[in-house]
Amino acid sequence: MARGWESKSVEIQQELSDEARSNRMPPPASPDERERMLRKESLESTRQRVLADLERATHPRHRQQLYEGLAHLESEIARLG
């Protein structure tokens, strides 16, 4: 009985893996497009860190610097589309 459950589990895992593979987006067409996507991901990651820092910041000047950095990051992300 355990062997039957085991084979079903493996079968289900393989099906899920196949579905996940088929749902993935194809890789970007060009090296430039890949570079743009990596740059955008990096900027979005940095934006999340700045937002977290902003939640903890208490000094007005530090908060102002974070807001300015956030504005710059958001404009760069928008530019990359």
N, C-alpha and C. Protein backbone atom coordinates (compact mmCIF):
# COMPACT_ATOMS: atom_id res chain seq x y z
N MET A 1 0.82 -1.19 0.00
CA MET A 1 0.00 0.00 0.00
C MET A 1 0.87 1.25 0.00
N ALA A 2 1.91 1.27 0.81
CA ALA A 2 2.77 2.44 0.88
C ALA A 2 3.44 2.69 -0.47
N ARG A 3 3.77 1.64 -1.16
CA ARG A 3 4.43 1.79 -2.45
C ARG A 3 3.51 2.50 -3.45
N GLY A 4 2.24 2.19 -3.43
CA GLY A 4 1.28 2.86 -4.31
C GLY A 4 1.18 4.35 -4.01
N TRP A 5 1.13 4.71 -2.75
CA TRP A 5 1.07 6.13 -2.37
C TRP A 5 2.34 6.84 -2.79
N GLU A 6 3.46 6.14 -2.63
CA GLU A 6 4.75 6.73 -2.98
C GLU A 6 4.82 7.05 -4.47
N SER A 7 4.37 6.12 -5.30
CA SER A 7 4.43 6.36 -6.74
C SER A 7 3.46 7.47 -7.15
N LYS A 8 2.32 7.56 -6.49
CA LYS A 8 1.38 8.65 -6.77
C LYS A 8 2.00 9.99 -6.40
N SER A 9 2.70 10.03 -5.27
CA SER A 9 3.35 11.25 -4.84
C SER A 9 4.39 11.71 -5.86
N VAL A 10 5.17 10.78 -6.35
CA VAL A 10 6.19 11.10 -7.35
C VAL A 10 5.51 11.59 -8.63
N GLU A 11 4.45 10.94 -9.01
CA GLU A 11 3.72 11.34 -10.23
C GLU A 11 3.16 12.75 -10.09
N ILE A 12 2.61 13.06 -8.95
CA ILE A 12 2.06 14.39 -8.70
C ILE A 12 3.17 15.43 -8.72
N GLN A 13 4.31 15.11 -8.10
CA GLN A 13 5.43 16.04 -8.10
C GLN A 13 5.93 16.31 -9.52
N GLN A 14 5.96 15.28 -10.34
CA GLN A 14 6.41 15.46 -11.72
C GLN A 14 5.43 16.32 -12.50
N GLU A 15 4.15 16.12 -12.28
CA GLU A 15 3.14 16.92 -12.96
C GLU A 15 3.25 18.39 -12.55
N LEU A 16 3.43 18.62 -11.25
CA LEU A 16 3.58 20.00 -10.78
C LEU A 16 4.83 20.65 -11.36
N SER A 17 5.89 19.88 -11.46
CA SER A 17 7.13 20.40 -12.03
C SER A 17 6.93 20.76 -13.50
N ASP A 18 6.24 19.88 -14.24
CA ASP A 18 5.97 20.16 -15.65
C ASP A 18 5.10 21.40 -15.82
N GLU A 19 4.09 21.55 -14.96
CA GLU A 19 3.22 22.73 -15.01
C GLU A 19 4.01 24.00 -14.72
N ALA A 20 4.86 23.94 -13.71
CA ALA A 20 5.65 25.11 -13.35
C ALA A 20 6.57 25.49 -14.50
N ARG A 21 7.17 24.50 -15.14
CA ARG A 21 8.06 24.76 -16.26
C ARG A 21 7.30 25.39 -17.43
N SER A 22 6.08 24.91 -17.70
CA SER A 22 5.32 25.44 -18.83
C SER A 22 4.74 26.83 -18.53
N ASN A 23 4.57 27.18 -17.25
CA ASN A 23 4.03 28.49 -16.89
C ASN A 23 5.08 29.59 -16.86
N ARG A 24 6.34 29.22 -16.90
CA ARG A 24 7.41 30.21 -16.87
C ARG A 24 7.41 31.02 -18.16
N MET A 25 7.80 32.28 -18.01
CA MET A 25 7.91 33.12 -19.19
C MET A 25 9.19 32.75 -19.93
N PRO A 26 9.17 32.87 -21.25
CA PRO A 26 10.39 32.58 -21.99
C PRO A 26 11.46 33.62 -21.66
N PRO A 27 12.72 33.25 -21.83
CA PRO A 27 13.78 34.21 -21.52
C PRO A 27 13.69 35.42 -22.46
N PRO A 28 14.17 36.57 -22.01
CA PRO A 28 14.14 37.76 -22.87
C PRO A 28 14.88 37.50 -24.18
N ALA A 29 14.48 38.22 -25.19
CA ALA A 29 14.99 37.97 -26.53
C ALA A 29 16.45 38.38 -26.71
N SER A 30 16.89 39.40 -26.03
CA SER A 30 18.23 39.90 -26.29
C SER A 30 19.00 40.13 -24.99
N PRO A 31 20.31 40.21 -25.10
CA PRO A 31 21.12 40.52 -23.92
C PRO A 31 20.75 41.88 -23.31
N ASP A 32 20.42 42.83 -24.16
CA ASP A 32 20.02 44.15 -23.66
C ASP A 32 18.74 44.06 -22.82
N GLU A 33 17.81 43.26 -23.28
CA GLU A 33 16.55 43.09 -22.56
C GLU A 33 16.80 42.40 -21.21
N ARG A 34 17.67 41.40 -21.20
CA ARG A 34 18.01 40.72 -19.94
C ARG A 34 18.65 41.71 -18.97
N GLU A 35 19.56 42.53 -19.48
CA GLU A 35 20.23 43.51 -18.64
C GLU A 35 19.23 44.51 -18.07
N ARG A 36 18.28 44.94 -18.89
CA ARG A 36 17.26 45.88 -18.43
C ARG A 36 16.41 45.26 -17.33
N MET A 37 16.03 44.00 -17.51
CA MET A 37 15.21 43.33 -16.50
C MET A 37 15.97 43.15 -15.20
N LEU A 38 17.25 42.78 -15.29
CA LEU A 38 18.05 42.63 -14.08
C LEU A 38 18.22 43.96 -13.36
N ARG A 39 18.43 45.02 -14.12
CA ARG A 39 18.57 46.36 -13.54
C ARG A 39 17.28 46.76 -12.82
N LYS A 40 16.15 46.49 -13.46
CA LYS A 40 14.86 46.84 -12.86
C LYS A 40 14.63 46.04 -11.57
N GLU A 41 14.95 44.75 -11.59
CA GLU A 41 14.80 43.93 -10.38
C GLU A 41 15.68 44.46 -9.25
N SER A 42 16.89 44.86 -9.60
CA SER A 42 17.82 45.40 -8.60
C SER A 42 17.27 46.70 -8.01
N LEU A 43 16.75 47.57 -8.87
CA LEU A 43 16.18 48.83 -8.39
C LEU A 43 14.97 48.58 -7.49
N GLU A 44 14.13 47.62 -7.87
CA GLU A 44 12.94 47.32 -7.06
C GLU A 44 13.35 46.75 -5.70
N SER A 45 14.39 45.94 -5.69
CA SER A 45 14.89 45.40 -4.42
C SER A 45 15.42 46.52 -3.53
N THR A 46 16.17 47.42 -4.12
CA THR A 46 16.70 48.56 -3.37
C THR A 46 15.56 49.44 -2.87
N ARG A 47 14.54 49.60 -3.68
CA ARG A 47 13.37 50.40 -3.27
C ARG A 47 12.71 49.80 -2.03
N GLN A 48 12.59 48.47 -1.99
CA GLN A 48 12.00 47.81 -0.83
C GLN A 48 12.85 48.05 0.42
N ARG A 49 14.16 48.01 0.25
CA ARG A 49 15.06 48.25 1.39
C ARG A 49 14.93 49.68 1.88
N VAL A 50 14.84 50.64 0.96
CA VAL A 50 14.69 52.04 1.35
C VAL A 50 13.37 52.24 2.08
N LEU A 51 12.31 51.60 1.61
CA LEU A 51 11.01 51.71 2.30
C LEU A 51 11.11 51.16 3.72
N ALA A 52 11.81 50.06 3.89
CA ALA A 52 11.98 49.47 5.22
C ALA A 52 12.81 50.41 6.11
N ASP A 53 13.85 51.01 5.53
CA ASP A 53 14.67 51.97 6.29
C ASP A 53 13.84 53.18 6.69
N LEU A 54 12.97 53.59 5.80
CA LEU A 54 12.13 54.76 6.06
C LEU A 54 11.18 54.51 7.23
N GLU A 55 10.70 53.29 7.36
CA GLU A 55 9.82 52.96 8.48
C GLU A 55 10.54 53.08 9.83
N ARG A 56 11.85 52.82 9.83
CA ARG A 56 12.61 52.85 11.08
C ARG A 56 13.28 54.19 11.35
N ALA A 57 13.45 55.00 10.32
CA ALA A 57 14.19 56.26 10.47
C ALA A 57 13.40 57.25 11.33
N THR A 58 14.12 57.94 12.22
CA THR A 58 13.47 58.92 13.09
C THR A 58 14.02 60.33 12.88
N HIS A 59 15.26 60.45 12.46
CA HIS A 59 15.87 61.76 12.29
C HIS A 59 15.35 62.41 11.00
N PRO A 60 14.88 63.66 11.08
CA PRO A 60 14.28 64.32 9.92
C PRO A 60 15.20 64.37 8.69
N ARG A 61 16.47 64.65 8.89
CA ARG A 61 17.38 64.74 7.74
C ARG A 61 17.57 63.38 7.08
N HIS A 62 17.68 62.36 7.88
CA HIS A 62 17.82 61.01 7.33
C HIS A 62 16.56 60.62 6.55
N ARG A 63 15.40 60.93 7.11
CA ARG A 63 14.14 60.64 6.41
C ARG A 63 14.06 61.39 5.08
N GLN A 64 14.53 62.64 5.07
CA GLN A 64 14.52 63.43 3.84
C GLN A 64 15.42 62.78 2.78
N GLN A 65 16.58 62.33 3.18
CA GLN A 65 17.49 61.66 2.25
C GLN A 65 16.87 60.38 1.69
N LEU A 66 16.20 59.64 2.56
CA LEU A 66 15.54 58.42 2.10
C LEU A 66 14.41 58.73 1.12
N TYR A 67 13.62 59.77 1.38
CA TYR A 67 12.57 60.17 0.46
C TYR A 67 13.14 60.58 -0.90
N GLU A 68 14.25 61.31 -0.88
CA GLU A 68 14.89 61.72 -2.13
C GLU A 68 15.41 60.50 -2.90
N GLY A 69 16.02 59.58 -2.19
CA GLY A 69 16.49 58.35 -2.82
C GLY A 69 15.36 57.53 -3.38
N LEU A 70 14.26 57.47 -2.65
CA LEU A 70 13.09 56.74 -3.10
C LEU A 70 12.52 57.35 -4.38
N ALA A 71 12.46 58.67 -4.43
CA ALA A 71 11.96 59.34 -5.63
C ALA A 71 12.84 59.02 -6.84
N HIS A 72 14.15 59.02 -6.62
CA HIS A 72 15.07 58.70 -7.71
C HIS A 72 14.88 57.26 -8.18
N LEU A 73 14.78 56.34 -7.23
CA LEU A 73 14.58 54.93 -7.58
C LEU A 73 13.29 54.74 -8.38
N GLU A 74 12.23 55.38 -7.93
CA GLU A 74 10.95 55.24 -8.62
C GLU A 74 11.00 55.81 -10.03
N SER A 75 11.72 56.91 -10.21
CA SER A 75 11.83 57.46 -11.56
C SER A 75 12.64 56.54 -12.47
N GLU A 76 13.69 55.91 -11.92
CA GLU A 76 14.49 54.98 -12.70
C GLU A 76 13.67 53.74 -13.07
N ILE A 77 12.89 53.24 -12.13
CA ILE A 77 12.05 52.07 -12.39
C ILE A 77 11.03 52.41 -13.47
N ALA A 78 10.43 53.58 -13.38
CA ALA A 78 9.44 54.00 -14.40
C ALA A 78 10.11 54.13 -15.77
N ARG A 79 11.32 54.65 -15.79
CA ARG A 79 12.03 54.83 -17.05
C ARG A 79 12.30 53.47 -17.72
N LEU A 80 12.60 52.46 -16.92
CA LEU A 80 12.88 51.13 -17.46
C LEU A 80 11.60 50.42 -17.87
N GLY A 81 10.47 50.91 -17.40
CA GLY A 81 9.18 50.36 -17.80
C GLY A 81 8.87 49.11 -17.14
